[in-house]
Amino acid sequence: MPAKNGKNGRSSKPGKGGFHIAADEPVFTSGVVCQLLSIPIWVLKQLDRENVVRPSRRKKSGRLYSRRELDKLEQVWFYMKTKRVNVQGVKVILELEEGGGGK
């Protein structure tokens, strides 16, 4: 595995595969997320408002999502679209999956 070059996550080897993006690095815009996961923008905004997935913000209030957030969004969208679970139900499912079922 190539050596990392500081906290930016880039490796010292240039060329194909010459960098690494950390799972928590916010790099994906809302538009890219919508295209990659086939999620409508209104769903991303609703999930942000409901604190299901809270992406980082750019200066002009644009959302930036990390790979870890994309994985979570993919799971959430599966529940919403395929299993017809609403946002409140998704929040309960995520709590249970994260081991926070008991209050």
PDB file of N, CA and C in Angstrom:
ATOM      1  N   MET A   1       0.852  -1.178   0.000  1.00  0.00           N
ATOM      2  CA  MET A   1       0.000   0.000   0.000  1.00  0.00           C
ATOM      3  C   MET A   1       0.896   1.239   0.000  1.00  0.00           C
ATOM      4  N   PRO A   2       0.602   2.251  -0.845  1.00  0.00           N
ATOM      5  CA  PRO A   2       1.437   3.444  -0.908  1.00  0.00           C
ATOM      6  C   PRO A   2       1.377   4.247   0.383  1.00  0.00           C
ATOM      7  N   ALA A   3       2.454   4.970   0.637  1.00  0.00           N
ATOM      8  CA  ALA A   3       2.520   5.806   1.829  1.00  0.00           C
ATOM      9  C   ALA A   3       1.611   7.007   1.667  1.00  0.00           C
ATOM     10  N   LYS A   4       0.966   7.413   2.751  1.00  0.00           N
ATOM     11  CA  LYS A   4       0.087   8.572   2.743  1.00  0.00           C
ATOM     12  C   LYS A   4       0.909   9.844   2.907  1.00  0.00           C
ATOM     13  N   ASN A   5       0.433  10.908   2.298  1.00  0.00           N
ATOM     14  CA  ASN A   5       1.127  12.185   2.347  1.00  0.00           C
ATOM     15  C   ASN A   5       0.312  13.167   3.175  1.00  0.00           C
ATOM     16  N   GLY A   6       0.417  13.102   4.488  1.00  0.00           N
ATOM     17  CA  GLY A   6      -0.272  14.057   5.345  1.00  0.00           C
ATOM     18  C   GLY A   6      -1.751  13.767   5.475  1.00  0.00           C
ATOM     19  N   LYS A   7      -2.489  14.767   6.006  1.00  0.00           N
ATOM     20  CA  LYS A   7      -3.891  14.546   6.325  1.00  0.00           C
ATOM     21  C   LYS A   7      -4.826  14.663   5.122  1.00  0.00           C
ATOM     22  N   ASN A   8      -4.325  15.092   3.963  1.00  0.00           N
ATOM     23  CA  ASN A   8      -5.201  15.192   2.803  1.00  0.00           C
ATOM     24  C   ASN A   8      -5.507  13.831   2.194  1.00  0.00           C
ATOM     25  N   GLY A   9      -4.840  12.776   2.652  1.00  0.00           N
ATOM     26  CA  GLY A   9      -5.139  11.429   2.210  1.00  0.00           C
ATOM     27  C   GLY A   9      -4.508  11.035   0.894  1.00  0.00           C
ATOM     28  N   ARG A  10      -3.746  11.905   0.286  1.00  0.00           N
ATOM     29  CA  ARG A  10      -3.107  11.563  -0.993  1.00  0.00           C
ATOM     30  C   ARG A  10      -1.862  10.736  -0.751  1.00  0.00           C
ATOM     31  N   SER A  11      -1.650   9.797  -1.631  1.00  0.00           N
ATOM     32  CA  SER A  11      -0.446   8.987  -1.501  1.00  0.00           C
ATOM     33  C   SER A  11       0.708   9.674  -2.224  1.00  0.00           C
ATOM     34  N   SER A  12       1.891   9.182  -1.991  1.00  0.00           N
ATOM     35  CA  SER A  12       3.069   9.785  -2.611  1.00  0.00           C
ATOM     36  C   SER A  12       3.287   9.298  -4.036  1.00  0.00           C
ATOM     37  N   LYS A  13       2.547   8.281  -4.479  1.00  0.00           N
ATOM     38  CA  LYS A  13       2.716   7.757  -5.830  1.00  0.00           C
ATOM     39  C   LYS A  13       1.707   8.406  -6.776  1.00  0.00           C
ATOM     40  N   PRO A  14       2.190   9.072  -7.826  1.00  0.00           N
ATOM     41  CA  PRO A  14       1.275   9.690  -8.791  1.00  0.00           C
ATOM     42  C   PRO A  14       0.716   8.655  -9.752  1.00  0.00           C
ATOM     43  N   GLY A  15      -0.287   9.062 -10.525  1.00  0.00           N
ATOM     44  CA  GLY A  15      -0.828   8.177 -11.555  1.00  0.00           C
ATOM     45  C   GLY A  15      -2.081   7.470 -11.101  1.00  0.00           C
ATOM     46  N   LYS A  16      -2.449   6.460 -11.869  1.00  0.00           N
ATOM     47  CA  LYS A  16      -3.685   5.729 -11.617  1.00  0.00           C
ATOM     48  C   LYS A  16      -3.703   5.146 -10.208  1.00  0.00           C
ATOM     49  N   GLY A  17      -4.755   5.466  -9.476  1.00  0.00           N
ATOM     50  CA  GLY A  17      -4.877   4.957  -8.113  1.00  0.00           C
ATOM     51  C   GLY A  17      -3.889   5.601  -7.162  1.00  0.00           C
ATOM     52  N   GLY A  18      -3.351   6.757  -7.528  1.00  0.00           N
ATOM     53  CA  GLY A  18      -2.322   7.396  -6.721  1.00  0.00           C
ATOM     54  C   GLY A  18      -2.843   8.262  -5.594  1.00  0.00           C
ATOM     55  N   PHE A  19      -4.107   8.113  -5.227  1.00  0.00           N
ATOM     56  CA  PHE A  19      -4.621   8.872  -4.097  1.00  0.00           C
ATOM     57  C   PHE A  19      -5.697   8.059  -3.395  1.00  0.00           C
ATOM     58  N   HIS A  20      -5.965   8.451  -2.193  1.00  0.00           N
ATOM     59  CA  HIS A  20      -6.959   7.773  -1.371  1.00  0.00           C
ATOM     60  C   HIS A  20      -7.879   8.840  -0.784  1.00  0.00           C
ATOM     61  N   ILE A  21      -9.174   8.605  -0.840  1.00  0.00           N
ATOM     62  CA  ILE A  21     -10.130   9.501  -0.212  1.00  0.00           C
ATOM     63  C   ILE A  21     -10.689   8.781   1.004  1.00  0.00           C
ATOM     64  N   ALA A  22     -10.534   9.377   2.154  1.00  0.00           N
ATOM     65  CA  ALA A  22     -11.024   8.781   3.391  1.00  0.00           C
ATOM     66  C   ALA A  22     -12.545   8.658   3.356  1.00  0.00           C
ATOM     67  N   ALA A  23     -13.080   7.662   4.052  1.00  0.00           N
ATOM     68  CA  ALA A  23     -14.522   7.405   4.052  1.00  0.00           C
ATOM     69  C   ALA A  23     -15.324   8.573   4.612  1.00  0.00           C
ATOM     70  N   ASP A  24     -14.714   9.375   5.471  1.00  0.00           N
ATOM     71  CA  ASP A  24     -15.414  10.501   6.087  1.00  0.00           C
ATOM     72  C   ASP A  24     -15.132  11.832   5.405  1.00  0.00           C
ATOM     73  N   GLU A  25     -14.392  11.822   4.307  1.00  0.00           N
ATOM     74  CA  GLU A  25     -14.051  13.058   3.594  1.00  0.00           C
ATOM     75  C   GLU A  25     -15.242  13.521   2.755  1.00  0.00           C
ATOM     76  N   PRO A  26     -15.799  14.712   3.021  1.00  0.00           N
ATOM     77  CA  PRO A  26     -16.957  15.187   2.263  1.00  0.00           C
ATOM     78  C   PRO A  26     -16.554  15.692   0.879  1.00  0.00           C
ATOM     79  N   VAL A  27     -16.859  14.923  -0.157  1.00  0.00           N
ATOM     80  CA  VAL A  27     -16.437  15.285  -1.515  1.00  0.00           C
ATOM     81  C   VAL A  27     -17.556  15.217  -2.556  1.00  0.00           C
ATOM     82  N   PHE A  28     -18.665  14.570  -2.255  1.00  0.00           N
ATOM     83  CA  PHE A  28     -19.727  14.385  -3.235  1.00  0.00           C
ATOM     84  C   PHE A  28     -20.813  15.440  -3.077  1.00  0.00           C
ATOM     85  N   THR A  29     -21.121  16.146  -4.154  1.00  0.00           N
ATOM     86  CA  THR A  29     -22.179  17.153  -4.123  1.00  0.00           C
ATOM     87  C   THR A  29     -23.549  16.468  -4.148  1.00  0.00           C
ATOM     88  N   SER A  30     -24.570  17.232  -3.831  1.00  0.00           N
ATOM     89  CA  SER A  30     -25.937  16.696  -3.862  1.00  0.00           C
ATOM     90  C   SER A  30     -26.285  16.155  -5.242  1.00  0.00           C
ATOM     91  N   GLY A  31     -25.897  16.876  -6.281  1.00  0.00           N
ATOM     92  CA  GLY A  31     -26.187  16.433  -7.643  1.00  0.00           C
ATOM     93  C   GLY A  31     -25.536  15.109  -7.972  1.00  0.00           C
ATOM     94  N   VAL A  32     -24.300  14.937  -7.543  1.00  0.00           N
ATOM     95  CA  VAL A  32     -23.590  13.681  -7.787  1.00  0.00           C
ATOM     96  C   VAL A  32     -24.253  12.546  -7.007  1.00  0.00           C
ATOM     97  N   VAL A  33     -24.629  12.813  -5.765  1.00  0.00           N
ATOM     98  CA  VAL A  33     -25.299  11.799  -4.950  1.00  0.00           C
ATOM     99  C   VAL A  33     -26.605  11.370  -5.616  1.00  0.00           C
ATOM    100  N   CYS A  34     -27.370  12.342  -6.093  1.00  0.00           N
ATOM    101  CA  CYS A  34     -28.642  12.032  -6.770  1.00  0.00           C
ATOM    102  C   CYS A  34     -28.414  11.127  -7.973  1.00  0.00           C
ATOM    103  N   GLN A  35     -27.373  11.408  -8.744  1.00  0.00           N
ATOM    104  CA  GLN A  35     -27.077  10.588  -9.920  1.00  0.00           C
ATOM    105  C   GLN A  35     -26.579   9.199  -9.543  1.00  0.00           C
ATOM    106  N   LEU A  36     -25.662   9.130  -8.585  1.00  0.00           N
ATOM    107  CA  LEU A  36     -25.088   7.839  -8.202  1.00  0.00           C
ATOM    108  C   LEU A  36     -26.119   6.898  -7.597  1.00  0.00           C
ATOM    109  N   LEU A  37     -27.012   7.433  -6.771  1.00  0.00           N
ATOM    110  CA  LEU A  37     -27.948   6.593  -6.033  1.00  0.00           C
ATOM    111  C   LEU A  37     -29.381   6.670  -6.547  1.00  0.00           C
ATOM    112  N   SER A  38     -29.605   7.478  -7.576  1.00  0.00           N
ATOM    113  CA  SER A  38     -30.963   7.673  -8.122  1.00  0.00           C
ATOM    114  C   SER A  38     -31.945   8.120  -7.044  1.00  0.00           C
ATOM    115  N   ILE A  39     -31.517   9.082  -6.244  1.00  0.00           N
ATOM    116  CA  ILE A  39     -32.345   9.639  -5.180  1.00  0.00           C
ATOM    117  C   ILE A  39     -32.766  11.054  -5.585  1.00  0.00           C
ATOM    118  N   PRO A  40     -34.045  11.391  -5.460  1.00  0.00           N
ATOM    119  CA  PRO A  40     -34.471  12.758  -5.757  1.00  0.00           C
ATOM    120  C   PRO A  40     -33.876  13.754  -4.757  1.00  0.00           C
ATOM    121  N   ILE A  41     -33.621  14.961  -5.212  1.00  0.00           N
ATOM    122  CA  ILE A  41     -33.012  15.980  -4.355  1.00  0.00           C
ATOM    123  C   ILE A  41     -33.886  16.288  -3.143  1.00  0.00           C
ATOM    124  N   TRP A  42     -35.200  16.240  -3.311  1.00  0.00           N
ATOM    125  CA  TRP A  42     -36.080  16.550  -2.181  1.00  0.00           C
ATOM    126  C   TRP A  42     -35.903  15.541  -1.049  1.00  0.00           C
ATOM    127  N   VAL A  43     -35.560  14.302  -1.393  1.00  0.00           N
ATOM    128  CA  VAL A  43     -35.321  13.280  -0.365  1.00  0.00           C
ATOM    129  C   VAL A  43     -34.059  13.632   0.422  1.00  0.00           C
ATOM    130  N   LEU A  44     -32.993  14.042  -0.289  1.00  0.00           N
ATOM    131  CA  LEU A  44     -31.763  14.437   0.407  1.00  0.00           C
ATOM    132  C   LEU A  44     -32.031  15.590   1.371  1.00  0.00           C
ATOM    133  N   LYS A  45     -32.796  16.564   0.924  1.00  0.00           N
ATOM    134  CA  LYS A  45     -33.111  17.721   1.773  1.00  0.00           C
ATOM    135  C   LYS A  45     -33.941  17.310   2.981  1.00  0.00           C
ATOM    136  N   GLN A  46     -34.896  16.422   2.767  1.00  0.00           N
ATOM    137  CA  GLN A  46     -35.735  15.959   3.868  1.00  0.00           C
ATOM    138  C   GLN A  46     -34.909  15.171   4.885  1.00  0.00           C
ATOM    139  N   LEU A  47     -34.032  14.308   4.407  1.00  0.00           N
ATOM    140  CA  LEU A  47     -33.192  13.523   5.314  1.00  0.00           C
ATOM    141  C   LEU A  47     -32.234  14.421   6.102  1.00  0.00           C
ATOM    142  N   ASP A  48     -31.802  15.508   5.499  1.00  0.00           N
ATOM    143  CA  ASP A  48     -30.965  16.490   6.187  1.00  0.00           C
ATOM    144  C   ASP A  48     -31.787  17.194   7.273  1.00  0.00           C
ATOM    145  N   ARG A  49     -32.974  17.668   6.914  1.00  0.00           N
ATOM    146  CA  ARG A  49     -33.850  18.355   7.879  1.00  0.00           C
ATOM    147  C   ARG A  49     -34.192  17.465   9.064  1.00  0.00           C
ATOM    148  N   GLU A  50     -34.388  16.175   8.798  1.00  0.00           N
ATOM    149  CA  GLU A  50     -34.788  15.221   9.835  1.00  0.00           C
ATOM    150  C   GLU A  50     -33.594  14.612  10.582  1.00  0.00           C
ATOM    151  N   ASN A  51     -32.394  15.103  10.297  1.00  0.00           N
ATOM    152  CA  ASN A  51     -31.161  14.638  10.961  1.00  0.00           C
ATOM    153  C   ASN A  51     -30.866  13.156  10.742  1.00  0.00           C
ATOM    154  N   VAL A  52     -31.290  12.628   9.620  1.00  0.00           N
ATOM    155  CA  VAL A  52     -30.980  11.237   9.294  1.00  0.00           C
ATOM    156  C   VAL A  52     -29.556  11.174   8.746  1.00  0.00           C
ATOM    157  N   VAL A  53     -29.250  12.030   7.797  1.00  0.00           N
ATOM    158  CA  VAL A  53     -27.900  12.176   7.250  1.00  0.00           C
ATOM    159  C   VAL A  53     -27.607  13.660   7.199  1.00  0.00           C
ATOM    160  N   ARG A  54     -26.556  14.083   7.906  1.00  0.00           N
ATOM    161  CA  ARG A  54     -26.197  15.504   7.988  1.00  0.00           C
ATOM    162  C   ARG A  54     -24.886  15.745   7.255  1.00  0.00           C
ATOM    163  N   PRO A  55     -24.955  16.131   5.985  1.00  0.00           N
ATOM    164  CA  PRO A  55     -23.721  16.365   5.229  1.00  0.00           C
ATOM    165  C   PRO A  55     -23.033  17.660   5.642  1.00  0.00           C
ATOM    166  N   SER A  56     -21.765  17.758   5.290  1.00  0.00           N
ATOM    167  CA  SER A  56     -21.019  18.998   5.502  1.00  0.00           C
ATOM    168  C   SER A  56     -21.573  20.050   4.560  1.00  0.00           C
ATOM    169  N   ARG A  57     -21.282  21.314   4.860  1.00  0.00           N
ATOM    170  CA  ARG A  57     -21.760  22.413   4.016  1.00  0.00           C
ATOM    171  C   ARG A  57     -20.592  23.183   3.436  1.00  0.00           C
ATOM    172  N   ARG A  58     -20.764  23.616   2.180  1.00  0.00           N
ATOM    173  CA  ARG A  58     -19.800  24.515   1.560  1.00  0.00           C
ATOM    174  C   ARG A  58     -20.175  25.938   1.925  1.00  0.00           C
ATOM    175  N   LYS A  59     -19.328  26.870   1.542  1.00  0.00           N
ATOM    176  CA  LYS A  59     -19.575  28.275   1.859  1.00  0.00           C
ATOM    177  C   LYS A  59     -20.929  28.762   1.367  1.00  0.00           C
ATOM    178  N   LYS A  60     -21.337  28.338   0.186  1.00  0.00           N
ATOM    179  CA  LYS A  60     -22.605  28.798  -0.377  1.00  0.00           C
ATOM    180  C   LYS A  60     -23.747  27.842  -0.034  1.00  0.00           C
ATOM    181  N   SER A  61     -23.642  27.208   1.109  1.00  0.00           N
ATOM    182  CA  SER A  61     -24.657  26.299   1.679  1.00  0.00           C
ATOM    183  C   SER A  61     -24.901  25.027   0.865  1.00  0.00           C
ATOM    184  N   GLY A  62     -24.012  24.694  -0.064  1.00  0.00           N
ATOM    185  CA  GLY A  62     -24.132  23.433  -0.783  1.00  0.00           C
ATOM    186  C   GLY A  62     -23.710  22.276   0.102  1.00  0.00           C
ATOM    187  N   ARG A  63     -24.417  21.180  -0.016  1.00  0.00           N
ATOM    188  CA  ARG A  63     -24.108  20.005   0.798  1.00  0.00           C
ATOM    189  C   ARG A  63     -22.996  19.191   0.143  1.00  0.00           C
ATOM    190  N   LEU A  64     -22.099  18.664   0.977  1.00  0.00           N
ATOM    191  CA  LEU A  64     -21.058  17.745   0.518  1.00  0.00           C
ATOM    192  C   LEU A  64     -21.146  16.468   1.344  1.00  0.00           C
ATOM    193  N   TYR A  65     -21.232  15.335   0.666  1.00  0.00           N
ATOM    194  CA  TYR A  65     -21.404  14.050   1.316  1.00  0.00           C
ATOM    195  C   TYR A  65     -20.126  13.224   1.244  1.00  0.00           C
ATOM    196  N   SER A  66     -19.880  12.447   2.284  1.00  0.00           N
ATOM    197  CA  SER A  66     -18.732  11.536   2.317  1.00  0.00           C
ATOM    198  C   SER A  66     -19.163  10.165   1.791  1.00  0.00           C
ATOM    199  N   ARG A  67     -18.190   9.294   1.573  1.00  0.00           N
ATOM    200  CA  ARG A  67     -18.475   7.920   1.134  1.00  0.00           C
ATOM    201  C   ARG A  67     -19.315   7.200   2.192  1.00  0.00           C
ATOM    202  N   ARG A  68     -19.012   7.428   3.451  1.00  0.00           N
ATOM    203  CA  ARG A  68     -19.768   6.798   4.539  1.00  0.00           C
ATOM    204  C   ARG A  68     -21.236   7.255   4.505  1.00  0.00           C
ATOM    205  N   GLU A  69     -21.455   8.542   4.222  1.00  0.00           N
ATOM    206  CA  GLU A  69     -22.819   9.064   4.122  1.00  0.00           C
ATOM    207  C   GLU A  69     -23.543   8.502   2.892  1.00  0.00           C
ATOM    208  N   LEU A  70     -22.805   8.312   1.797  1.00  0.00           N
ATOM    209  CA  LEU A  70     -23.400   7.688   0.610  1.00  0.00           C
ATOM    210  C   LEU A  70     -23.875   6.276   0.928  1.00  0.00           C
ATOM    211  N   ASP A  71     -23.073   5.526   1.662  1.00  0.00           N
ATOM    212  CA  ASP A  71     -23.458   4.170   2.043  1.00  0.00           C
ATOM    213  C   ASP A  71     -24.728   4.189   2.883  1.00  0.00           C
ATOM    214  N   LYS A  72     -24.789   5.129   3.821  1.00  0.00           N
ATOM    215  CA  LYS A  72     -25.973   5.250   4.676  1.00  0.00           C
ATOM    216  C   LYS A  72     -27.189   5.666   3.842  1.00  0.00           C
ATOM    217  N   LEU A  73     -27.006   6.616   2.934  1.00  0.00           N
ATOM    218  CA  LEU A  73     -28.100   7.054   2.068  1.00  0.00           C
ATOM    219  C   LEU A  73     -28.617   5.912   1.200  1.00  0.00           C
ATOM    220  N   GLU A  74     -27.713   5.095   0.710  1.00  0.00           N
ATOM    221  CA  GLU A  74     -28.116   3.952  -0.108  1.00  0.00           C
ATOM    222  C   GLU A  74     -29.012   3.012   0.696  1.00  0.00           C
ATOM    223  N   GLN A  75     -28.644   2.777   1.938  1.00  0.00           N
ATOM    224  CA  GLN A  75     -29.424   1.923   2.824  1.00  0.00           C
ATOM    225  C   GLN A  75     -30.787   2.564   3.124  1.00  0.00           C
ATOM    226  N   VAL A  76     -30.780   3.849   3.450  1.00  0.00           N
ATOM    227  CA  VAL A  76     -32.013   4.573   3.763  1.00  0.00           C
ATOM    228  C   VAL A  76     -32.954   4.578   2.561  1.00  0.00           C
ATOM    229  N   TRP A  77     -32.397   4.843   1.378  1.00  0.00           N
ATOM    230  CA  TRP A  77     -33.218   4.890   0.174  1.00  0.00           C
ATOM    231  C   TRP A  77     -33.818   3.520  -0.125  1.00  0.00           C
ATOM    232  N   PHE A  78     -33.084   2.451   0.145  1.00  0.00           N
ATOM    233  CA  PHE A  78     -33.618   1.095  -0.015  1.00  0.00           C
ATOM    234  C   PHE A  78     -34.862   0.925   0.857  1.00  0.00           C
ATOM    235  N   TYR A  79     -34.760   1.321   2.126  1.00  0.00           N
ATOM    236  CA  TYR A  79     -35.909   1.202   3.026  1.00  0.00           C
ATOM    237  C   TYR A  79     -37.083   2.041   2.543  1.00  0.00           C
ATOM    238  N   MET A  80     -36.793   3.256   2.104  1.00  0.00           N
ATOM    239  CA  MET A  80     -37.859   4.166   1.693  1.00  0.00           C
ATOM    240  C   MET A  80     -38.535   3.721   0.399  1.00  0.00           C
ATOM    241  N   LYS A  81     -37.739   3.391  -0.586  1.00  0.00           N
ATOM    242  CA  LYS A  81     -38.288   3.087  -1.915  1.00  0.00           C
ATOM    243  C   LYS A  81     -38.793   1.651  -2.017  1.00  0.00           C
ATOM    244  N   THR A  82     -37.982   0.695  -1.600  1.00  0.00           N
ATOM    245  CA  THR A  82     -38.322  -0.714  -1.775  1.00  0.00           C
ATOM    246  C   THR A  82     -39.284  -1.211  -0.701  1.00  0.00           C
ATOM    247  N   LYS A  83     -39.024  -0.834   0.532  1.00  0.00           N
ATOM    248  CA  LYS A  83     -39.844  -1.333   1.647  1.00  0.00           C
ATOM    249  C   LYS A  83     -40.951  -0.359   2.056  1.00  0.00           C
ATOM    250  N   ARG A  84     -40.984   0.828   1.401  1.00  0.00           N
ATOM    251  CA  ARG A  84     -42.039   1.831   1.630  1.00  0.00           C
ATOM    252  C   ARG A  84     -42.070   2.335   3.075  1.00  0.00           C
ATOM    253  N   VAL A  85     -40.893   2.520   3.682  1.00  0.00           N
ATOM    254  CA  VAL A  85     -40.777   3.016   5.055  1.00  0.00           C
ATOM    255  C   VAL A  85     -40.638   4.532   5.004  1.00  0.00           C
ATOM    256  N   ASN A  86     -41.410   5.241   5.856  1.00  0.00           N
ATOM    257  CA  ASN A  86     -41.290   6.700   5.890  1.00  0.00           C
ATOM    258  C   ASN A  86     -40.061   7.119   6.702  1.00  0.00           C
ATOM    259  N   VAL A  87     -39.774   8.406   6.725  1.00  0.00           N
ATOM    260  CA  VAL A  87     -38.547   8.903   7.370  1.00  0.00           C
ATOM    261  C   VAL A  87     -38.519   8.559   8.855  1.00  0.00           C
ATOM    262  N   GLN A  88     -39.652   8.703   9.535  1.00  0.00           N
ATOM    263  CA  GLN A  88     -39.679   8.378  10.965  1.00  0.00           C
ATOM    264  C   GLN A  88     -39.380   6.889  11.192  1.00  0.00           C
ATOM    265  N   GLY A  89     -39.908   6.038  10.332  1.00  0.00           N
ATOM    266  CA  GLY A  89     -39.626   4.611  10.422  1.00  0.00           C
ATOM    267  C   GLY A  89     -38.161   4.303  10.161  1.00  0.00           C
ATOM    268  N   VAL A  90     -37.577   5.002   9.192  1.00  0.00           N
ATOM    269  CA  VAL A  90     -36.155   4.827   8.889  1.00  0.00           C
ATOM    270  C   VAL A  90     -35.317   5.202  10.102  1.00  0.00           C
ATOM    271  N   LYS A  91     -35.687   6.288  10.779  1.00  0.00           N
ATOM    272  CA  LYS A  91     -34.940   6.713  11.967  1.00  0.00           C
ATOM    273  C   LYS A  91     -34.957   5.630  13.044  1.00  0.00           C
ATOM    274  N   VAL A  92     -36.101   4.989  13.228  1.00  0.00           N
ATOM    275  CA  VAL A  92     -36.224   3.909  14.212  1.00  0.00           C
ATOM    276  C   VAL A  92     -35.361   2.719  13.800  1.00  0.00           C
ATOM    277  N   ILE A  93     -35.419   2.345  12.535  1.00  0.00           N
ATOM    278  CA  ILE A  93     -34.616   1.225  12.043  1.00  0.00           C
ATOM    279  C   ILE A  93     -33.124   1.499  12.246  1.00  0.00           C
ATOM    280  N   LEU A  94     -32.672   2.706  11.902  1.00  0.00           N
ATOM    281  CA  LEU A  94     -31.262   3.047  12.067  1.00  0.00           C
ATOM    282  C   LEU A  94     -30.841   3.026  13.535  1.00  0.00           C
ATOM    283  N   GLU A  95     -31.720   3.503  14.415  1.00  0.00           N
ATOM    284  CA  GLU A  95     -31.425   3.450  15.856  1.00  0.00           C
ATOM    285  C   GLU A  95     -31.236   2.010  16.317  1.00  0.00           C
ATOM    286  N   LEU A  96     -32.132   1.140  15.879  1.00  0.00           N
ATOM    287  CA  LEU A  96     -32.055  -0.267  16.267  1.00  0.00           C
ATOM    288  C   LEU A  96     -30.793  -0.916  15.715  1.00  0.00           C
ATOM    289  N   GLU A  97     -30.456  -0.603  14.468  1.00  0.00           N
ATOM    290  CA  GLU A  97     -29.250  -1.183  13.848  1.00  0.00           C
ATOM    291  C   GLU A  97     -27.971  -0.697  14.511  1.00  0.00           C
ATOM    292  N   GLU A  98     -28.008   0.528  15.023  1.00  0.00           N
ATOM    293  CA  GLU A  98     -26.817   1.080  15.674  1.00  0.00           C
ATOM    294  C   GLU A  98     -26.753   0.702  17.142  1.00  0.00           C
ATOM    295  N   GLY A  99     -27.707  -0.107  17.599  1.00  0.00           N
ATOM    296  CA  GLY A  99     -27.686  -0.572  18.991  1.00  0.00           C
ATOM    297  C   GLY A  99     -28.292   0.417  19.962  1.00  0.00           C
ATOM    298  N   GLY A 100     -28.981   1.423  19.473  1.00  0.00           N
ATOM    299  CA  GLY A 100     -29.584   2.420  20.357  1.00  0.00           C
ATOM    300  C   GLY A 100     -31.065   2.210  20.523  1.00  0.00           C
ATOM    301  N   GLY A 101     -31.511   0.976  20.514  1.00  0.00           N
ATOM    302  CA  GLY A 101     -32.938   0.678  20.599  1.00  0.00           C
ATOM    303  C   GLY A 101     -33.586   1.033  21.917  1.00  0.00           C
ATOM    304  N   GLY A 102     -32.844   0.945  23.017  1.00  0.00           N
ATOM    305  CA  GLY A 102     -33.418   1.259  24.317  1.00  0.00           C
ATOM    306  C   GLY A 102     -33.099   2.656  24.764  1.00  0.00           C
ATOM    307  N   LYS A 103     -34.117   3.354  25.263  1.00  0.00           N
ATOM    308  CA  LYS A 103     -33.876   4.735  25.716  1.00  0.00           C
ATOM    309  C   LYS A 103     -33.945   4.822  27.199  1.00  0.00           C
TER     310      LYS A 103
END
